[in-house]
Amino acid sequence: MSNKDIKLEKFDQIGILVRDIEASAKLYGDLFNFKGGCNIVEQDASVVCRGQEGTYKMKKIMDFFGGKQLEIVEVIEATGPNLYTEFLEENREGLHHLGIYVKDSEKFINEFKNQFNIDVIQTGKVGKLTFRYLDTKNTLGYYIELIEF
């Protein structure tokens, strides 16, 4: 794989972390014309973050806007490490990650490691999807999430 192969040509998802999803649902609902409205759902996740297991329960809104999937997340309960709670502990809200749907995340992981010395910092699974967060926060200010389907 050459350097030009790692250049990301698109992203599919914008992940936004908030402390109050009900207030955020009102704000985003007023600002954006979501196709499905601002439906809040709950979801549990088990992850491995920096080699340690963690779990969290979140409320989230998933909808499409401008051809991108918008994921708005509030963590309501967590045990063990996870990137959402760490972000909040730094007093941060807002853009948390850009998600990219891929069929083979290993080639991206290897290239990020080889070219930029960036490793996977968190992994998890939801249904048939596996997600891997690359440790890009210090470089970009947010994470890149590889969502393998």
N, C-alpha and C. Protein backbone atom coordinates (compact mmCIF):
# COMPACT_ATOMS: atom_id res chain seq x y z
N MET A 1 0.84 -1.17 0.00
CA MET A 1 0.00 0.00 0.00
C MET A 1 0.89 1.24 0.00
N SER A 2 0.62 2.16 -0.87
CA SER A 2 1.43 3.38 -0.94
C SER A 2 0.80 4.48 -0.08
N ASN A 3 1.53 5.56 0.10
CA ASN A 3 1.03 6.66 0.92
C ASN A 3 -0.32 7.18 0.44
N LYS A 4 -0.53 7.21 -0.86
CA LYS A 4 -1.79 7.74 -1.35
C LYS A 4 -2.97 6.86 -0.95
N ASP A 5 -2.73 5.58 -0.65
CA ASP A 5 -3.82 4.70 -0.26
C ASP A 5 -4.39 5.03 1.10
N ILE A 6 -3.61 5.63 1.98
CA ILE A 6 -4.12 5.95 3.31
C ILE A 6 -4.92 7.24 3.32
N LYS A 7 -4.82 8.03 2.30
CA LYS A 7 -5.60 9.26 2.27
C LYS A 7 -7.08 8.91 2.28
N LEU A 8 -7.75 9.36 3.30
CA LEU A 8 -9.16 9.05 3.45
C LEU A 8 -9.96 9.87 2.45
N GLU A 9 -10.81 9.21 1.72
CA GLU A 9 -11.58 9.89 0.68
C GLU A 9 -12.94 10.32 1.16
N LYS A 10 -13.37 9.83 2.29
CA LYS A 10 -14.70 10.15 2.80
C LYS A 10 -14.76 9.80 4.27
N PHE A 11 -15.76 10.31 4.91
CA PHE A 11 -16.16 9.79 6.20
C PHE A 11 -17.67 9.64 6.15
N ASP A 12 -18.20 8.77 6.98
CA ASP A 12 -19.61 8.43 6.90
C ASP A 12 -20.42 8.91 8.09
N GLN A 13 -19.74 9.12 9.21
CA GLN A 13 -20.45 9.41 10.44
C GLN A 13 -19.76 10.55 11.20
N ILE A 14 -20.56 11.41 11.79
CA ILE A 14 -20.06 12.46 12.67
C ILE A 14 -20.56 12.12 14.06
N GLY A 15 -19.64 11.85 14.99
CA GLY A 15 -19.99 11.49 16.37
C GLY A 15 -19.84 12.69 17.28
N ILE A 16 -20.93 13.07 17.93
CA ILE A 16 -20.95 14.23 18.82
C ILE A 16 -21.31 13.74 20.22
N LEU A 17 -20.54 14.16 21.19
CA LEU A 17 -20.75 13.78 22.58
C LEU A 17 -21.36 14.95 23.33
N VAL A 18 -22.42 14.68 24.08
CA VAL A 18 -23.12 15.72 24.83
C VAL A 18 -23.35 15.24 26.27
N ARG A 19 -23.63 16.18 27.15
CA ARG A 19 -23.96 15.84 28.55
C ARG A 19 -25.46 15.71 28.77
N ASP A 20 -26.27 16.34 27.92
CA ASP A 20 -27.72 16.34 28.09
C ASP A 20 -28.37 16.11 26.73
N ILE A 21 -28.73 14.88 26.46
CA ILE A 21 -29.23 14.56 25.12
C ILE A 21 -30.62 15.13 24.86
N GLU A 22 -31.43 15.26 25.92
CA GLU A 22 -32.76 15.84 25.72
C GLU A 22 -32.65 17.29 25.24
N ALA A 23 -31.80 18.09 25.90
CA ALA A 23 -31.58 19.48 25.47
C ALA A 23 -30.95 19.50 24.09
N SER A 24 -30.03 18.58 23.83
CA SER A 24 -29.37 18.52 22.52
C SER A 24 -30.36 18.12 21.43
N ALA A 25 -31.29 17.23 21.76
CA ALA A 25 -32.30 16.81 20.77
C ALA A 25 -33.13 18.02 20.35
N LYS A 26 -33.48 18.85 21.29
CA LYS A 26 -34.25 20.06 20.97
C LYS A 26 -33.41 20.98 20.08
N LEU A 27 -32.16 21.23 20.48
CA LEU A 27 -31.29 22.12 19.72
C LEU A 27 -31.06 21.59 18.30
N TYR A 28 -30.63 20.33 18.19
CA TYR A 28 -30.36 19.77 16.87
C TYR A 28 -31.63 19.62 16.04
N GLY A 29 -32.74 19.31 16.70
CA GLY A 29 -34.01 19.21 15.98
C GLY A 29 -34.45 20.55 15.40
N ASP A 30 -34.16 21.64 16.14
CA ASP A 30 -34.49 22.97 15.64
C ASP A 30 -33.55 23.41 14.52
N LEU A 31 -32.28 22.97 14.59
CA LEU A 31 -31.28 23.40 13.61
C LEU A 31 -31.31 22.59 12.32
N PHE A 32 -31.51 21.27 12.44
CA PHE A 32 -31.37 20.40 11.29
C PHE A 32 -32.70 19.74 10.94
N ASN A 33 -32.92 19.54 9.66
CA ASN A 33 -34.12 18.85 9.18
C ASN A 33 -33.81 17.36 9.07
N PHE A 34 -33.87 16.66 10.21
CA PHE A 34 -33.61 15.23 10.22
C PHE A 34 -34.73 14.48 9.53
N LYS A 35 -34.37 13.45 8.81
CA LYS A 35 -35.35 12.65 8.09
C LYS A 35 -36.26 11.88 9.05
N GLY A 36 -35.70 11.37 10.13
CA GLY A 36 -36.49 10.55 11.05
C GLY A 36 -36.81 11.22 12.36
N GLY A 37 -36.59 12.51 12.49
CA GLY A 37 -36.81 13.19 13.76
C GLY A 37 -35.65 12.94 14.70
N CYS A 38 -35.79 13.35 15.92
CA CYS A 38 -34.73 13.19 16.93
C CYS A 38 -35.12 12.11 17.93
N ASN A 39 -35.18 10.88 17.48
CA ASN A 39 -35.55 9.78 18.36
C ASN A 39 -34.37 9.37 19.21
N ILE A 40 -34.58 9.35 20.52
CA ILE A 40 -33.53 8.97 21.46
C ILE A 40 -33.71 7.49 21.80
N VAL A 41 -32.64 6.72 21.63
CA VAL A 41 -32.65 5.30 21.96
C VAL A 41 -31.53 5.02 22.95
N GLU A 42 -31.66 3.92 23.68
CA GLU A 42 -30.60 3.51 24.60
C GLU A 42 -29.86 2.33 24.01
N GLN A 43 -28.56 2.27 24.29
CA GLN A 43 -27.73 1.19 23.79
C GLN A 43 -26.62 0.91 24.80
N ASP A 44 -26.30 -0.36 24.97
CA ASP A 44 -25.18 -0.76 25.82
C ASP A 44 -24.01 -1.16 24.93
N ALA A 45 -22.81 -0.96 25.43
CA ALA A 45 -21.62 -1.37 24.68
C ALA A 45 -20.58 -1.92 25.65
N SER A 46 -19.91 -2.95 25.20
CA SER A 46 -18.74 -3.48 25.90
C SER A 46 -17.54 -3.19 25.02
N VAL A 47 -16.49 -2.67 25.64
CA VAL A 47 -15.32 -2.27 24.87
C VAL A 47 -14.05 -2.74 25.55
N VAL A 48 -12.97 -2.69 24.81
CA VAL A 48 -11.63 -2.83 25.36
C VAL A 48 -10.92 -1.53 25.03
N CYS A 49 -10.58 -0.79 26.08
CA CYS A 49 -9.96 0.52 25.94
C CYS A 49 -8.59 0.47 26.61
N ARG A 50 -7.55 0.68 25.81
CA ARG A 50 -6.17 0.60 26.30
C ARG A 50 -5.90 -0.73 27.01
N GLY A 51 -6.47 -1.80 26.48
CA GLY A 51 -6.23 -3.14 27.02
C GLY A 51 -7.10 -3.51 28.21
N GLN A 52 -7.96 -2.60 28.67
CA GLN A 52 -8.83 -2.90 29.81
C GLN A 52 -10.29 -2.93 29.36
N GLU A 53 -11.04 -3.85 29.95
CA GLU A 53 -12.45 -3.98 29.60
C GLU A 53 -13.28 -2.91 30.29
N GLY A 54 -14.27 -2.42 29.57
CA GLY A 54 -15.19 -1.43 30.12
C GLY A 54 -16.55 -1.60 29.48
N THR A 55 -17.54 -1.04 30.12
CA THR A 55 -18.90 -1.05 29.56
C THR A 55 -19.50 0.34 29.75
N TYR A 56 -20.43 0.66 28.91
CA TYR A 56 -21.19 1.88 29.12
C TYR A 56 -22.58 1.74 28.53
N LYS A 57 -23.47 2.49 29.11
CA LYS A 57 -24.83 2.60 28.61
C LYS A 57 -24.97 4.03 28.13
N MET A 58 -25.56 4.18 26.96
CA MET A 58 -25.71 5.51 26.41
C MET A 58 -27.11 5.72 25.87
N LYS A 59 -27.47 6.99 25.80
CA LYS A 59 -28.62 7.42 25.04
C LYS A 59 -28.04 8.03 23.78
N LYS A 60 -28.71 7.79 22.66
CA LYS A 60 -28.17 8.36 21.44
C LYS A 60 -29.26 8.65 20.42
N ILE A 61 -28.92 9.56 19.55
CA ILE A 61 -29.74 9.90 18.39
C ILE A 61 -28.91 9.53 17.17
N MET A 62 -29.48 8.77 16.28
CA MET A 62 -28.82 8.42 15.02
C MET A 62 -29.75 8.84 13.89
N ASP A 63 -29.26 9.71 13.04
CA ASP A 63 -30.05 10.13 11.89
C ASP A 63 -29.11 10.60 10.79
N PHE A 64 -29.66 10.83 9.64
CA PHE A 64 -28.87 11.29 8.51
C PHE A 64 -29.15 12.75 8.25
N PHE A 65 -28.08 13.47 7.94
CA PHE A 65 -28.19 14.87 7.58
C PHE A 65 -27.09 15.19 6.58
N GLY A 66 -27.46 15.74 5.46
CA GLY A 66 -26.47 16.13 4.46
C GLY A 66 -25.65 14.96 3.95
N GLY A 67 -26.25 13.77 3.88
CA GLY A 67 -25.54 12.60 3.37
C GLY A 67 -24.62 11.93 4.38
N LYS A 68 -24.58 12.42 5.60
CA LYS A 68 -23.74 11.83 6.65
C LYS A 68 -24.63 11.33 7.79
N GLN A 69 -24.15 10.31 8.45
CA GLN A 69 -24.85 9.81 9.63
C GLN A 69 -24.41 10.65 10.82
N LEU A 70 -25.36 11.20 11.54
CA LEU A 70 -25.07 11.99 12.72
C LEU A 70 -25.40 11.14 13.94
N GLU A 71 -24.40 10.94 14.80
CA GLU A 71 -24.58 10.16 16.01
C GLU A 71 -24.32 11.10 17.20
N ILE A 72 -25.37 11.34 17.98
CA ILE A 72 -25.27 12.21 19.15
C ILE A 72 -25.41 11.31 20.37
N VAL A 73 -24.42 11.37 21.28
CA VAL A 73 -24.33 10.40 22.38
C VAL A 73 -24.25 11.11 23.72
N GLU A 74 -25.00 10.57 24.69
CA GLU A 74 -24.86 10.92 26.10
C GLU A 74 -24.58 9.61 26.85
N VAL A 75 -23.50 9.56 27.60
CA VAL A 75 -23.20 8.40 28.42
C VAL A 75 -23.99 8.54 29.72
N ILE A 76 -24.79 7.53 30.06
CA ILE A 76 -25.59 7.62 31.28
C ILE A 76 -25.06 6.73 32.40
N GLU A 77 -24.17 5.82 32.06
CA GLU A 77 -23.60 4.92 33.06
C GLU A 77 -22.37 4.26 32.45
N ALA A 78 -21.30 4.12 33.24
CA ALA A 78 -20.09 3.48 32.70
C ALA A 78 -19.32 2.79 33.82
N THR A 79 -18.71 1.67 33.47
CA THR A 79 -17.77 0.99 34.36
C THR A 79 -16.51 0.72 33.54
N GLY A 80 -15.37 0.95 34.14
CA GLY A 80 -14.12 0.75 33.43
C GLY A 80 -13.88 1.86 32.43
N PRO A 81 -12.74 1.81 31.76
CA PRO A 81 -12.37 2.89 30.85
C PRO A 81 -13.15 2.85 29.54
N ASN A 82 -13.40 4.04 28.99
CA ASN A 82 -13.94 4.18 27.65
C ASN A 82 -13.67 5.60 27.18
N LEU A 83 -13.60 5.79 25.88
CA LEU A 83 -13.21 7.08 25.31
C LEU A 83 -14.25 8.17 25.51
N TYR A 84 -15.52 7.80 25.65
CA TYR A 84 -16.54 8.81 25.86
C TYR A 84 -16.39 9.46 27.24
N THR A 85 -16.28 8.63 28.27
CA THR A 85 -16.15 9.15 29.63
C THR A 85 -14.86 9.97 29.77
N GLU A 86 -13.77 9.49 29.18
CA GLU A 86 -12.51 10.23 29.25
C GLU A 86 -12.66 11.62 28.63
N PHE A 87 -13.35 11.70 27.51
CA PHE A 87 -13.57 12.97 26.82
C PHE A 87 -14.32 13.93 27.74
N LEU A 88 -15.38 13.43 28.38
CA LEU A 88 -16.16 14.26 29.30
C LEU A 88 -15.35 14.68 30.51
N GLU A 89 -14.49 13.79 31.01
CA GLU A 89 -13.65 14.12 32.17
C GLU A 89 -12.66 15.23 31.84
N GLU A 90 -12.38 15.45 30.56
CA GLU A 90 -11.53 16.56 30.11
C GLU A 90 -12.35 17.82 29.88
N ASN A 91 -13.61 17.80 30.35
CA ASN A 91 -14.55 18.91 30.15
C ASN A 91 -14.78 19.22 28.69
N ARG A 92 -14.85 18.18 27.88
CA ARG A 92 -15.07 18.35 26.45
C ARG A 92 -16.44 17.81 26.07
N GLU A 93 -17.07 18.50 25.17
CA GLU A 93 -18.28 18.05 24.51
C GLU A 93 -18.11 18.44 23.04
N GLY A 94 -18.97 17.92 22.20
CA GLY A 94 -18.91 18.27 20.78
C GLY A 94 -18.33 17.14 19.96
N LEU A 95 -17.61 17.50 18.90
CA LEU A 95 -17.08 16.50 17.97
C LEU A 95 -16.18 15.52 18.71
N HIS A 96 -16.57 14.26 18.72
CA HIS A 96 -15.82 13.20 19.39
C HIS A 96 -15.09 12.33 18.38
N HIS A 97 -15.77 12.01 17.27
CA HIS A 97 -15.13 11.16 16.27
C HIS A 97 -15.76 11.35 14.89
N LEU A 98 -14.96 10.99 13.89
CA LEU A 98 -15.47 10.82 12.53
C LEU A 98 -15.42 9.33 12.25
N GLY A 99 -16.55 8.77 11.86
CA GLY A 99 -16.63 7.34 11.59
C GLY A 99 -16.54 7.05 10.10
N ILE A 100 -15.82 5.98 9.78
CA ILE A 100 -15.65 5.56 8.40
C ILE A 100 -16.05 4.10 8.30
N TYR A 101 -17.01 3.80 7.45
CA TYR A 101 -17.41 2.42 7.23
C TYR A 101 -16.40 1.75 6.30
N VAL A 102 -15.87 0.62 6.73
CA VAL A 102 -14.87 -0.11 5.95
C VAL A 102 -15.21 -1.60 5.96
N LYS A 103 -14.74 -2.30 4.94
CA LYS A 103 -14.92 -3.76 4.91
C LYS A 103 -13.74 -4.46 5.55
N ASP A 104 -12.56 -3.83 5.53
CA ASP A 104 -11.35 -4.43 6.10
C ASP A 104 -10.59 -3.34 6.86
N SER A 105 -10.77 -3.31 8.17
CA SER A 105 -10.12 -2.26 8.95
C SER A 105 -8.63 -2.50 9.14
N GLU A 106 -8.17 -3.73 8.99
CA GLU A 106 -6.76 -4.04 9.24
C GLU A 106 -5.81 -3.25 8.35
N LYS A 107 -6.15 -3.06 7.07
CA LYS A 107 -5.26 -2.31 6.19
C LYS A 107 -5.14 -0.87 6.65
N PHE A 108 -6.23 -0.27 7.12
CA PHE A 108 -6.18 1.10 7.63
C PHE A 108 -5.39 1.16 8.93
N ILE A 109 -5.61 0.20 9.81
CA ILE A 109 -4.90 0.15 11.09
C ILE A 109 -3.40 0.04 10.86
N ASN A 110 -3.00 -0.85 9.97
CA ASN A 110 -1.58 -1.02 9.67
C ASN A 110 -0.96 0.24 9.08
N GLU A 111 -1.67 0.90 8.17
CA GLU A 111 -1.14 2.11 7.55
C GLU A 111 -1.04 3.26 8.55
N PHE A 112 -2.04 3.41 9.41
CA PHE A 112 -1.96 4.45 10.43
C PHE A 112 -0.78 4.20 11.36
N LYS A 113 -0.55 2.94 11.69
CA LYS A 113 0.59 2.59 12.55
C LYS A 113 1.90 2.88 11.83
N ASN A 114 2.02 2.42 10.58
CA ASN A 114 3.27 2.57 9.84
C ASN A 114 3.58 4.03 9.49
N GLN A 115 2.57 4.77 9.05
CA GLN A 115 2.82 6.12 8.57
C GLN A 115 2.80 7.18 9.67
N PHE A 116 1.95 7.00 10.67
CA PHE A 116 1.74 8.05 11.65
C PHE A 116 2.00 7.62 13.09
N ASN A 117 2.39 6.35 13.28
CA ASN A 117 2.60 5.78 14.62
C ASN A 117 1.35 5.93 15.48
N ILE A 118 0.19 5.71 14.87
CA ILE A 118 -1.10 5.80 15.55
C ILE A 118 -1.67 4.39 15.66
N ASP A 119 -2.01 4.01 16.89
CA ASP A 119 -2.56 2.68 17.16
C ASP A 119 -4.06 2.75 17.44
N VAL A 120 -4.66 1.57 17.50
CA VAL A 120 -6.04 1.43 17.94
C VAL A 120 -6.04 1.61 19.46
N ILE A 121 -6.96 2.42 19.95
CA ILE A 121 -7.03 2.70 21.39
C ILE A 121 -8.24 2.03 22.04
N GLN A 122 -9.30 1.79 21.24
CA GLN A 122 -10.51 1.15 21.79
C GLN A 122 -11.18 0.32 20.70
N THR A 123 -11.68 -0.84 21.10
CA THR A 123 -12.42 -1.71 20.19
C THR A 123 -13.72 -2.14 20.85
N GLY A 124 -14.67 -2.51 20.03
CA GLY A 124 -15.94 -3.01 20.55
C GLY A 124 -16.77 -3.58 19.42
N LYS A 125 -17.95 -4.06 19.78
CA LYS A 125 -18.82 -4.68 18.79
C LYS A 125 -20.27 -4.35 19.13
N VAL A 126 -21.04 -4.01 18.11
CA VAL A 126 -22.47 -3.79 18.25
C VAL A 126 -23.13 -4.56 17.12
N GLY A 127 -23.88 -5.59 17.46
CA GLY A 127 -24.49 -6.43 16.43
C GLY A 127 -23.41 -7.04 15.55
N LYS A 128 -23.53 -6.84 14.23
CA LYS A 128 -22.54 -7.37 13.29
C LYS A 128 -21.39 -6.40 13.04
N LEU A 129 -21.48 -5.20 13.60
CA LEU A 129 -20.45 -4.18 13.37
C LEU A 129 -19.35 -4.27 14.43
N THR A 130 -18.13 -4.16 13.99
CA THR A 130 -16.99 -4.03 14.89
C THR A 130 -16.48 -2.61 14.74
N PHE A 131 -16.23 -1.95 15.86
CA PHE A 131 -15.70 -0.60 15.76
C PHE A 131 -14.34 -0.52 16.43
N ARG A 132 -13.46 0.26 15.82
CA ARG A 132 -12.11 0.46 16.32
C ARG A 132 -11.80 1.94 16.26
N TYR A 133 -11.45 2.49 17.41
CA TYR A 133 -11.07 3.91 17.46
C TYR A 133 -9.57 4.02 17.37
N LEU A 134 -9.11 4.87 16.45
CA LEU A 134 -7.69 5.16 16.33
C LEU A 134 -7.34 6.30 17.27
N ASP A 135 -6.16 6.26 17.84
CA ASP A 135 -5.73 7.23 18.85
C ASP A 135 -5.27 8.54 18.19
N THR A 136 -6.22 9.26 17.60
CA THR A 136 -5.92 10.47 16.85
C THR A 136 -6.30 11.75 17.60
N LYS A 137 -6.78 11.64 18.83
CA LYS A 137 -7.27 12.82 19.55
C LYS A 137 -6.20 13.88 19.75
N ASN A 138 -5.00 13.48 20.15
CA ASN A 138 -3.95 14.48 20.37
C ASN A 138 -3.50 15.12 19.06
N THR A 139 -3.61 14.40 17.96
CA THR A 139 -3.20 14.91 16.66
C THR A 139 -4.29 15.76 16.01
N LEU A 140 -5.53 15.27 16.03
CA LEU A 140 -6.62 15.92 15.32
C LEU A 140 -7.61 16.66 16.22
N GLY A 141 -7.63 16.29 17.52
CA GLY A 141 -8.62 16.86 18.42
C GLY A 141 -9.85 16.00 18.56
N TYR A 142 -9.93 14.93 17.80
CA TYR A 142 -11.03 13.97 17.84
C TYR A 142 -10.48 12.62 17.38
N TYR A 143 -11.31 11.59 17.52
CA TYR A 143 -10.90 10.25 17.12
C TYR A 143 -11.38 9.93 15.71
N ILE A 144 -10.72 9.01 15.06
CA ILE A 144 -11.22 8.39 13.84
C ILE A 144 -11.67 6.99 14.23
N GLU A 145 -12.92 6.70 13.88
CA GLU A 145 -13.50 5.40 14.20
C GLU A 145 -13.65 4.61 12.90
N LEU A 146 -13.07 3.41 12.88
CA LEU A 146 -13.25 2.51 11.74
C LEU A 146 -14.39 1.57 12.10
N ILE A 147 -15.45 1.58 11.30
CA ILE A 147 -16.64 0.78 11.56
C ILE A 147 -16.67 -0.32 10.50
N GLU A 148 -16.35 -1.54 10.92
CA GLU A 148 -16.25 -2.66 9.98
C GLU A 148 -17.56 -3.41 9.94
N PHE A 149 -18.03 -3.62 8.72
CA PHE A 149 -19.32 -4.30 8.52
C PHE A 149 -19.15 -5.58 7.73
